[in-house]
Amino acid sequence: MRVKMTASKMAKFHLTLALVWAALTIPTLIWWKDSILWVSLMSIYAIVIGHLAAYSAAHAEKAASKALNESGEANKRIDQQNSEMAG
């Protein structure tokens, strides 16, 4: 099963997670400040999210580069056709 995430879905997802993590600030400061397990889980979460963000950025850059190359090739064909018509 493949889930297609659009930019708006990703934005809502990240906003929801940001709000969840912001809400977890209070219990963290009050009850879990001495919990090594909680700090470990936060660290692992940060690492995973960082890698997912880097993957997403690389994927977007790859798609943009592909679109730019296709656009450049199309422009070359148009220029070639125009020069053949003029000449």
PDB file of N, CA and C in Angstrom:
ATOM      1  N   MET A   1       0.846  -1.180   0.000  1.00  0.00           N
ATOM      2  CA  MET A   1       0.000   0.000   0.000  1.00  0.00           C
ATOM      3  C   MET A   1       0.890   1.242   0.000  1.00  0.00           C
ATOM      4  N   ARG A   2       0.607   2.150  -0.887  1.00  0.00           N
ATOM      5  CA  ARG A   2       1.387   3.374  -0.998  1.00  0.00           C
ATOM      6  C   ARG A   2       0.488   4.568  -0.698  1.00  0.00           C
ATOM      7  N   VAL A   3       0.917   5.393   0.227  1.00  0.00           N
ATOM      8  CA  VAL A   3       0.145   6.577   0.606  1.00  0.00           C
ATOM      9  C   VAL A   3       0.783   7.785  -0.074  1.00  0.00           C
ATOM     10  N   LYS A   4      -0.022   8.518  -0.813  1.00  0.00           N
ATOM     11  CA  LYS A   4       0.478   9.714  -1.487  1.00  0.00           C
ATOM     12  C   LYS A   4       0.237  10.912  -0.581  1.00  0.00           C
ATOM     13  N   MET A   5       1.315  11.566  -0.191  1.00  0.00           N
ATOM     14  CA  MET A   5       1.217  12.729   0.686  1.00  0.00           C
ATOM     15  C   MET A   5       1.357  13.993  -0.158  1.00  0.00           C
ATOM     16  N   THR A   6       0.363  14.838  -0.103  1.00  0.00           N
ATOM     17  CA  THR A   6       0.446  16.117  -0.783  1.00  0.00           C
ATOM     18  C   THR A   6       1.098  17.128   0.149  1.00  0.00           C
ATOM     19  N   ALA A   7       1.460  18.261  -0.397  1.00  0.00           N
ATOM     20  CA  ALA A   7       2.115  19.291   0.413  1.00  0.00           C
ATOM     21  C   ALA A   7       1.194  19.778   1.532  1.00  0.00           C
ATOM     22  N   SER A   8      -0.092  19.918   1.256  1.00  0.00           N
ATOM     23  CA  SER A   8      -1.011  20.394   2.298  1.00  0.00           C
ATOM     24  C   SER A   8      -1.187  19.349   3.402  1.00  0.00           C
ATOM     25  N   LYS A   9      -1.218  18.063   3.038  1.00  0.00           N
ATOM     26  CA  LYS A   9      -1.316  17.013   4.058  1.00  0.00           C
ATOM     27  C   LYS A   9      -0.063  16.994   4.926  1.00  0.00           C
ATOM     28  N   MET A  10       1.103  17.147   4.290  1.00  0.00           N
ATOM     29  CA  MET A  10       2.354  17.158   5.047  1.00  0.00           C
ATOM     30  C   MET A  10       2.400  18.357   5.992  1.00  0.00           C
ATOM     31  N   ALA A  11       1.928  19.514   5.523  1.00  0.00           N
ATOM     32  CA  ALA A  11       1.921  20.712   6.365  1.00  0.00           C
ATOM     33  C   ALA A  11       1.023  20.499   7.587  1.00  0.00           C
ATOM     34  N   LYS A  12      -0.163  19.942   7.372  1.00  0.00           N
ATOM     35  CA  LYS A  12      -1.077  19.673   8.484  1.00  0.00           C
ATOM     36  C   LYS A  12      -0.475  18.651   9.448  1.00  0.00           C
ATOM     37  N   PHE A  13       0.159  17.623   8.896  1.00  0.00           N
ATOM     38  CA  PHE A  13       0.799  16.592   9.707  1.00  0.00           C
ATOM     39  C   PHE A  13       1.877  17.194  10.598  1.00  0.00           C
ATOM     40  N   HIS A  14       2.743  18.035  10.015  1.00  0.00           N
ATOM     41  CA  HIS A  14       3.827  18.639  10.778  1.00  0.00           C
ATOM     42  C   HIS A  14       3.303  19.641  11.809  1.00  0.00           C
ATOM     43  N   LEU A  15       2.258  20.371  11.470  1.00  0.00           N
ATOM     44  CA  LEU A  15       1.660  21.297  12.422  1.00  0.00           C
ATOM     45  C   LEU A  15       1.067  20.527  13.602  1.00  0.00           C
ATOM     46  N   THR A  16       0.388  19.427  13.319  1.00  0.00           N
ATOM     47  CA  THR A  16      -0.185  18.604  14.380  1.00  0.00           C
ATOM     48  C   THR A  16       0.907  18.061  15.294  1.00  0.00           C
ATOM     49  N   LEU A  17       1.979  17.543  14.708  1.00  0.00           N
ATOM     50  CA  LEU A  17       3.074  17.022  15.532  1.00  0.00           C
ATOM     51  C   LEU A  17       3.749  18.126  16.339  1.00  0.00           C
ATOM     52  N   ALA A  18       3.879  19.314  15.756  1.00  0.00           N
ATOM     53  CA  ALA A  18       4.477  20.428  16.497  1.00  0.00           C
ATOM     54  C   ALA A  18       3.618  20.782  17.709  1.00  0.00           C
ATOM     55  N   LEU A  19       2.304  20.770  17.525  1.00  0.00           N
ATOM     56  CA  LEU A  19       1.399  21.066  18.644  1.00  0.00           C
ATOM     57  C   LEU A  19       1.461  19.971  19.710  1.00  0.00           C
ATOM     58  N   VAL A  20       1.561  18.723  19.285  1.00  0.00           N
ATOM     59  CA  VAL A  20       1.687  17.616  20.245  1.00  0.00           C
ATOM     60  C   VAL A  20       2.964  17.771  21.059  1.00  0.00           C
ATOM     61  N   TRP A  21       4.079  18.048  20.376  1.00  0.00           N
ATOM     62  CA  TRP A  21       5.354  18.199  21.089  1.00  0.00           C
ATOM     63  C   TRP A  21       5.331  19.429  21.989  1.00  0.00           C
ATOM     64  N   ALA A  22       4.671  20.492  21.566  1.00  0.00           N
ATOM     65  CA  ALA A  22       4.555  21.678  22.418  1.00  0.00           C
ATOM     66  C   ALA A  22       3.736  21.350  23.673  1.00  0.00           C
ATOM     67  N   ALA A  23       2.661  20.562  23.499  1.00  0.00           N
ATOM     68  CA  ALA A  23       1.837  20.179  24.648  1.00  0.00           C
ATOM     69  C   ALA A  23       2.611  19.268  25.603  1.00  0.00           C
ATOM     70  N   LEU A  24       3.537  18.488  25.083  1.00  0.00           N
ATOM     71  CA  LEU A  24       4.332  17.595  25.927  1.00  0.00           C
ATOM     72  C   LEU A  24       5.424  18.330  26.699  1.00  0.00           C
ATOM     73  N   THR A  25       5.595  19.611  26.434  1.00  0.00           N
ATOM     74  CA  THR A  25       6.600  20.392  27.154  1.00  0.00           C
ATOM     75  C   THR A  25       6.287  20.461  28.645  1.00  0.00           C
ATOM     76  N   ILE A  26       5.031  20.670  28.995  1.00  0.00           N
ATOM     77  CA  ILE A  26       4.645  20.818  30.403  1.00  0.00           C
ATOM     78  C   ILE A  26       4.911  19.537  31.196  1.00  0.00           C
ATOM     79  N   PRO A  27       4.398  18.359  30.752  1.00  0.00           N
ATOM     80  CA  PRO A  27       4.713  17.147  31.523  1.00  0.00           C
ATOM     81  C   PRO A  27       6.213  16.845  31.561  1.00  0.00           C
ATOM     82  N   THR A  28       6.913  17.200  30.488  1.00  0.00           N
ATOM     83  CA  THR A  28       8.357  16.971  30.463  1.00  0.00           C
ATOM     84  C   THR A  28       9.044  17.775  31.553  1.00  0.00           C
ATOM     85  N   LEU A  29       8.673  19.033  31.691  1.00  0.00           N
ATOM     86  CA  LEU A  29       9.313  19.892  32.687  1.00  0.00           C
ATOM     87  C   LEU A  29       8.896  19.548  34.118  1.00  0.00           C
ATOM     88  N   ILE A  30       7.667  19.040  34.281  1.00  0.00           N
ATOM     89  CA  ILE A  30       7.167  18.754  35.629  1.00  0.00           C
ATOM     90  C   ILE A  30       7.509  17.344  36.093  1.00  0.00           C
ATOM     91  N   TRP A  31       7.134  16.331  35.305  1.00  0.00           N
ATOM     92  CA  TRP A  31       7.245  14.961  35.789  1.00  0.00           C
ATOM     93  C   TRP A  31       8.394  14.164  35.177  1.00  0.00           C
ATOM     94  N   TRP A  32       8.719  14.428  33.911  1.00  0.00           N
ATOM     95  CA  TRP A  32       9.656  13.549  33.221  1.00  0.00           C
ATOM     96  C   TRP A  32      11.063  14.129  33.101  1.00  0.00           C
ATOM     97  N   LYS A  33      11.376  15.162  33.850  1.00  0.00           N
ATOM     98  CA  LYS A  33      12.670  15.829  33.678  1.00  0.00           C
ATOM     99  C   LYS A  33      13.858  14.938  34.026  1.00  0.00           C
ATOM    100  N   ASP A  34      13.658  13.911  34.854  1.00  0.00           N
ATOM    101  CA  ASP A  34      14.741  13.005  35.230  1.00  0.00           C
ATOM    102  C   ASP A  34      14.656  11.654  34.505  1.00  0.00           C
ATOM    103  N   SER A  35      13.775  11.551  33.518  1.00  0.00           N
ATOM    104  CA  SER A  35      13.578  10.280  32.820  1.00  0.00           C
ATOM    105  C   SER A  35      14.549  10.144  31.650  1.00  0.00           C
ATOM    106  N   ILE A  36      15.456   9.198  31.776  1.00  0.00           N
ATOM    107  CA  ILE A  36      16.410   8.937  30.700  1.00  0.00           C
ATOM    108  C   ILE A  36      15.688   8.349  29.495  1.00  0.00           C
ATOM    109  N   LEU A  37      14.695   7.520  29.731  1.00  0.00           N
ATOM    110  CA  LEU A  37      13.924   6.929  28.638  1.00  0.00           C
ATOM    111  C   LEU A  37      13.258   8.024  27.799  1.00  0.00           C
ATOM    112  N   TRP A  38      12.649   9.003  28.460  1.00  0.00           N
ATOM    113  CA  TRP A  38      11.971  10.074  27.739  1.00  0.00           C
ATOM    114  C   TRP A  38      12.962  10.886  26.905  1.00  0.00           C
ATOM    115  N   VAL A  39      14.109  11.197  27.459  1.00  0.00           N
ATOM    116  CA  VAL A  39      15.130  11.945  26.724  1.00  0.00           C
ATOM    117  C   VAL A  39      15.622  11.120  25.539  1.00  0.00           C
ATOM    118  N   SER A  40      15.774   9.816  25.727  1.00  0.00           N
ATOM    119  CA  SER A  40      16.190   8.938  24.630  1.00  0.00           C
ATOM    120  C   SER A  40      15.154   8.930  23.515  1.00  0.00           C
ATOM    121  N   LEU A  41      13.890   8.829  23.884  1.00  0.00           N
ATOM    122  CA  LEU A  41      12.826   8.832  22.875  1.00  0.00           C
ATOM    123  C   LEU A  41      12.778  10.156  22.112  1.00  0.00           C
ATOM    124  N   MET A  42      12.951  11.271  22.819  1.00  0.00           N
ATOM    125  CA  MET A  42      12.970  12.568  22.138  1.00  0.00           C
ATOM    126  C   MET A  42      14.147  12.659  21.180  1.00  0.00           C
ATOM    127  N   SER A  43      15.299  12.139  21.587  1.00  0.00           N
ATOM    128  CA  SER A  43      16.487  12.176  20.736  1.00  0.00           C
ATOM    129  C   SER A  43      16.299  11.328  19.481  1.00  0.00           C
ATOM    130  N   ILE A  44      15.762  10.133  19.669  1.00  0.00           N
ATOM    131  CA  ILE A  44      15.514   9.255  18.519  1.00  0.00           C
ATOM    132  C   ILE A  44      14.511   9.904  17.578  1.00  0.00           C
ATOM    133  N   TYR A  45      13.464  10.481  18.133  1.00  0.00           N
ATOM    134  CA  TYR A  45      12.465  11.177  17.309  1.00  0.00           C
ATOM    135  C   TYR A  45      13.124  12.295  16.504  1.00  0.00           C
ATOM    136  N   ALA A  46      13.964  13.089  17.150  1.00  0.00           N
ATOM    137  CA  ALA A  46      14.625  14.200  16.455  1.00  0.00           C
ATOM    138  C   ALA A  46      15.527  13.693  15.335  1.00  0.00           C
ATOM    139  N   ILE A  47      16.231  12.611  15.577  1.00  0.00           N
ATOM    140  CA  ILE A  47      17.104  12.049  14.549  1.00  0.00           C
ATOM    141  C   ILE A  47      16.291  11.542  13.358  1.00  0.00           C
ATOM    142  N   VAL A  48      15.234  10.802  13.640  1.00  0.00           N
ATOM    143  CA  VAL A  48      14.397  10.258  12.559  1.00  0.00           C
ATOM    144  C   VAL A  48      13.768  11.388  11.750  1.00  0.00           C
ATOM    145  N   ILE A  49      13.214  12.394  12.424  1.00  0.00           N
ATOM    146  CA  ILE A  49      12.590  13.516  11.718  1.00  0.00           C
ATOM    147  C   ILE A  49      13.622  14.280  10.898  1.00  0.00           C
ATOM    148  N   GLY A  50      14.817  14.439  11.434  1.00  0.00           N
ATOM    149  CA  GLY A  50      15.879  15.112  10.682  1.00  0.00           C
ATOM    150  C   GLY A  50      16.219  14.369   9.406  1.00  0.00           C
ATOM    151  N   HIS A  51      16.314  13.054   9.478  1.00  0.00           N
ATOM    152  CA  HIS A  51      16.612  12.262   8.285  1.00  0.00           C
ATOM    153  C   HIS A  51      15.448  12.288   7.296  1.00  0.00           C
ATOM    154  N   LEU A  52      14.226  12.236   7.799  1.00  0.00           N
ATOM    155  CA  LEU A  52      13.074  12.322   6.899  1.00  0.00           C
ATOM    156  C   LEU A  52      13.008  13.683   6.203  1.00  0.00           C
ATOM    157  N   ALA A  53      13.347  14.737   6.922  1.00  0.00           N
ATOM    158  CA  ALA A  53      13.365  16.071   6.317  1.00  0.00           C
ATOM    159  C   ALA A  53      14.439  16.155   5.237  1.00  0.00           C
ATOM    160  N   ALA A  54      15.605  15.583   5.508  1.00  0.00           N
ATOM    161  CA  ALA A  54      16.680  15.587   4.517  1.00  0.00           C
ATOM    162  C   ALA A  54      16.291  14.759   3.288  1.00  0.00           C
ATOM    163  N   TYR A  55      15.653  13.616   3.504  1.00  0.00           N
ATOM    164  CA  TYR A  55      15.183  12.791   2.392  1.00  0.00           C
ATOM    165  C   TYR A  55      14.158  13.550   1.556  1.00  0.00           C
ATOM    166  N   SER A  56      13.227  14.201   2.238  1.00  0.00           N
ATOM    167  CA  SER A  56      12.195  14.965   1.541  1.00  0.00           C
ATOM    168  C   SER A  56      12.800  16.098   0.720  1.00  0.00           C
ATOM    169  N   ALA A  57      13.777  16.793   1.283  1.00  0.00           N
ATOM    170  CA  ALA A  57      14.438  17.879   0.570  1.00  0.00           C
ATOM    171  C   ALA A  57      15.202  17.350  -0.640  1.00  0.00           C
ATOM    172  N   ALA A  58      15.885  16.220  -0.476  1.00  0.00           N
ATOM    173  CA  ALA A  58      16.626  15.638  -1.593  1.00  0.00           C
ATOM    174  C   ALA A  58      15.673  15.183  -2.692  1.00  0.00           C
ATOM    175  N   HIS A  59      14.545  14.604  -2.297  1.00  0.00           N
ATOM    176  CA  HIS A  59      13.552  14.158  -3.270  1.00  0.00           C
ATOM    177  C   HIS A  59      12.980  15.354  -4.041  1.00  0.00           C
ATOM    178  N   ALA A  60      12.691  16.436  -3.330  1.00  0.00           N
ATOM    179  CA  ALA A  60      12.159  17.644  -3.978  1.00  0.00           C
ATOM    180  C   ALA A  60      13.194  18.252  -4.916  1.00  0.00           C
ATOM    181  N   GLU A  61      14.455  18.268  -4.493  1.00  0.00           N
ATOM    182  CA  GLU A  61      15.518  18.815  -5.342  1.00  0.00           C
ATOM    183  C   GLU A  61      15.682  17.971  -6.595  1.00  0.00           C
ATOM    184  N   LYS A  62      15.583  16.663  -6.457  1.00  0.00           N
ATOM    185  CA  LYS A  62      15.700  15.760  -7.596  1.00  0.00           C
ATOM    186  C   LYS A  62      14.558  16.013  -8.589  1.00  0.00           C
ATOM    187  N   ALA A  63      13.345  16.162  -8.076  1.00  0.00           N
ATOM    188  CA  ALA A  63      12.187  16.425  -8.936  1.00  0.00           C
ATOM    189  C   ALA A  63      12.317  17.777  -9.638  1.00  0.00           C
ATOM    190  N   ALA A  64      12.788  18.784  -8.910  1.00  0.00           N
ATOM    191  CA  ALA A  64      12.965  20.109  -9.503  1.00  0.00           C
ATOM    192  C   ALA A  64      14.046  20.081 -10.578  1.00  0.00           C
ATOM    193  N   SER A  65      15.119  19.360 -10.319  1.00  0.00           N
ATOM    194  CA  SER A  65      16.203  19.245 -11.296  1.00  0.00           C
ATOM    195  C   SER A  65      15.712  18.544 -12.556  1.00  0.00           C
ATOM    196  N   LYS A  66      14.930  17.492 -12.388  1.00  0.00           N
ATOM    197  CA  LYS A  66      14.377  16.762 -13.529  1.00  0.00           C
ATOM    198  C   LYS A  66      13.462  17.669 -14.352  1.00  0.00           C
ATOM    199  N   ALA A  67      12.608  18.434 -13.672  1.00  0.00           N
ATOM    200  CA  ALA A  67      11.700  19.349 -14.369  1.00  0.00           C
ATOM    201  C   ALA A  67      12.484  20.434 -15.105  1.00  0.00           C
ATOM    202  N   LEU A  68      13.540  20.930 -14.486  1.00  0.00           N
ATOM    203  CA  LEU A  68      14.366  21.954 -15.113  1.00  0.00           C
ATOM    204  C   LEU A  68      15.062  21.401 -16.353  1.00  0.00           C
ATOM    205  N   ASN A  69      15.574  20.181 -16.263  1.00  0.00           N
ATOM    206  CA  ASN A  69      16.225  19.556 -17.421  1.00  0.00           C
ATOM    207  C   ASN A  69      15.239  19.341 -18.555  1.00  0.00           C
ATOM    208  N   GLU A  70      14.038  18.873 -18.222  1.00  0.00           N
ATOM    209  CA  GLU A  70      13.012  18.666 -19.247  1.00  0.00           C
ATOM    210  C   GLU A  70      12.624  19.992 -19.883  1.00  0.00           C
ATOM    211  N   SER A  71      12.520  21.037 -19.079  1.00  0.00           N
ATOM    212  CA  SER A  71      12.195  22.363 -19.594  1.00  0.00           C
ATOM    213  C   SER A  71      13.309  22.870 -20.500  1.00  0.00           C
ATOM    214  N   GLY A  72      14.545  22.661 -20.103  1.00  0.00           N
ATOM    215  CA  GLY A  72      15.685  23.086 -20.913  1.00  0.00           C
ATOM    216  C   GLY A  72      15.740  22.354 -22.244  1.00  0.00           C
ATOM    217  N   GLU A  73      15.445  21.044 -22.224  1.00  0.00           N
ATOM    218  CA  GLU A  73      15.430  20.271 -23.466  1.00  0.00           C
ATOM    219  C   GLU A  73      14.308  20.742 -24.379  1.00  0.00           C
ATOM    220  N   ALA A  74      13.153  21.042 -23.817  1.00  0.00           N
ATOM    221  CA  ALA A  74      12.035  21.544 -24.612  1.00  0.00           C
ATOM    222  C   ALA A  74      12.389  22.895 -25.232  1.00  0.00           C
ATOM    223  N   ASN A  75      13.049  23.764 -24.466  1.00  0.00           N
ATOM    224  CA  ASN A  75      13.459  25.066 -25.002  1.00  0.00           C
ATOM    225  C   ASN A  75      14.464  24.910 -26.133  1.00  0.00           C
ATOM    226  N   LYS A  76      15.385  23.941 -26.007  1.00  0.00           N
ATOM    227  CA  LYS A  76      16.358  23.691 -27.076  1.00  0.00           C
ATOM    228  C   LYS A  76      15.665  23.245 -28.347  1.00  0.00           C
ATOM    229  N   ARG A  77      14.662  22.360 -28.222  1.00  0.00           N
ATOM    230  CA  ARG A  77      13.922  21.898 -29.396  1.00  0.00           C
ATOM    231  C   ARG A  77      13.180  23.047 -30.056  1.00  0.00           C
ATOM    232  N   ILE A  78      12.572  23.901 -29.249  1.00  0.00           N
ATOM    233  CA  ILE A  78      11.843  25.057 -29.794  1.00  0.00           C
ATOM    234  C   ILE A  78      12.806  25.989 -30.506  1.00  0.00           C
ATOM    235  N   ASP A  79      13.962  26.269 -29.890  1.00  0.00           N
ATOM    236  CA  ASP A  79      14.965  27.134 -30.525  1.00  0.00           C
ATOM    237  C   ASP A  79      15.455  26.525 -31.829  1.00  0.00           C
ATOM    238  N   GLN A  80      15.640  25.189 -31.836  1.00  0.00           N
ATOM    239  CA  GLN A  80      16.115  24.525 -33.038  1.00  0.00           C
ATOM    240  C   GLN A  80      15.063  24.618 -34.139  1.00  0.00           C
ATOM    241  N   GLN A  81      13.793  24.418 -33.781  1.00  0.00           N
ATOM    242  CA  GLN A  81      12.725  24.519 -34.760  1.00  0.00           C
ATOM    243  C   GLN A  81      12.621  25.941 -35.307  1.00  0.00           C
ATOM    244  N   ASN A  82      12.742  26.923 -34.440  1.00  0.00           N
ATOM    245  CA  ASN A  82      12.665  28.322 -34.872  1.00  0.00           C
ATOM    246  C   ASN A  82      13.824  28.667 -35.800  1.00  0.00           C
ATOM    247  N   SER A  83      15.021  28.169 -35.523  1.00  0.00           N
ATOM    248  CA  SER A  83      16.166  28.489 -36.367  1.00  0.00           C
ATOM    249  C   SER A  83      16.034  27.764 -37.718  1.00  0.00           C
ATOM    250  N   GLU A  84      15.433  26.574 -37.747  1.00  0.00           N
ATOM    251  CA  GLU A  84      15.219  25.869 -39.012  1.00  0.00           C
ATOM    252  C   GLU A  84      14.209  26.603 -39.860  1.00  0.00           C
ATOM    253  N   MET A  85      13.169  27.150 -39.220  1.00  0.00           N
ATOM    254  CA  MET A  85      12.146  27.888 -39.954  1.00  0.00           C
ATOM    255  C   MET A  85      12.709  29.208 -40.499  1.00  0.00           C
ATOM    256  N   ALA A  86      13.557  29.839 -39.724  1.00  0.00           N
ATOM    257  CA  ALA A  86      14.123  31.121 -40.153  1.00  0.00           C
ATOM    258  C   ALA A  86      15.180  30.928 -41.238  1.00  0.00           C
ATOM    259  N   GLY A  87      15.857  29.799 -41.203  1.00  0.00           N
ATOM    260  CA  GLY A  87      16.971  29.602 -42.117  1.00  0.00           C
ATOM    261  C   GLY A  87      16.592  28.894 -43.329  1.00  0.00           C
TER     262      GLY A  87
END
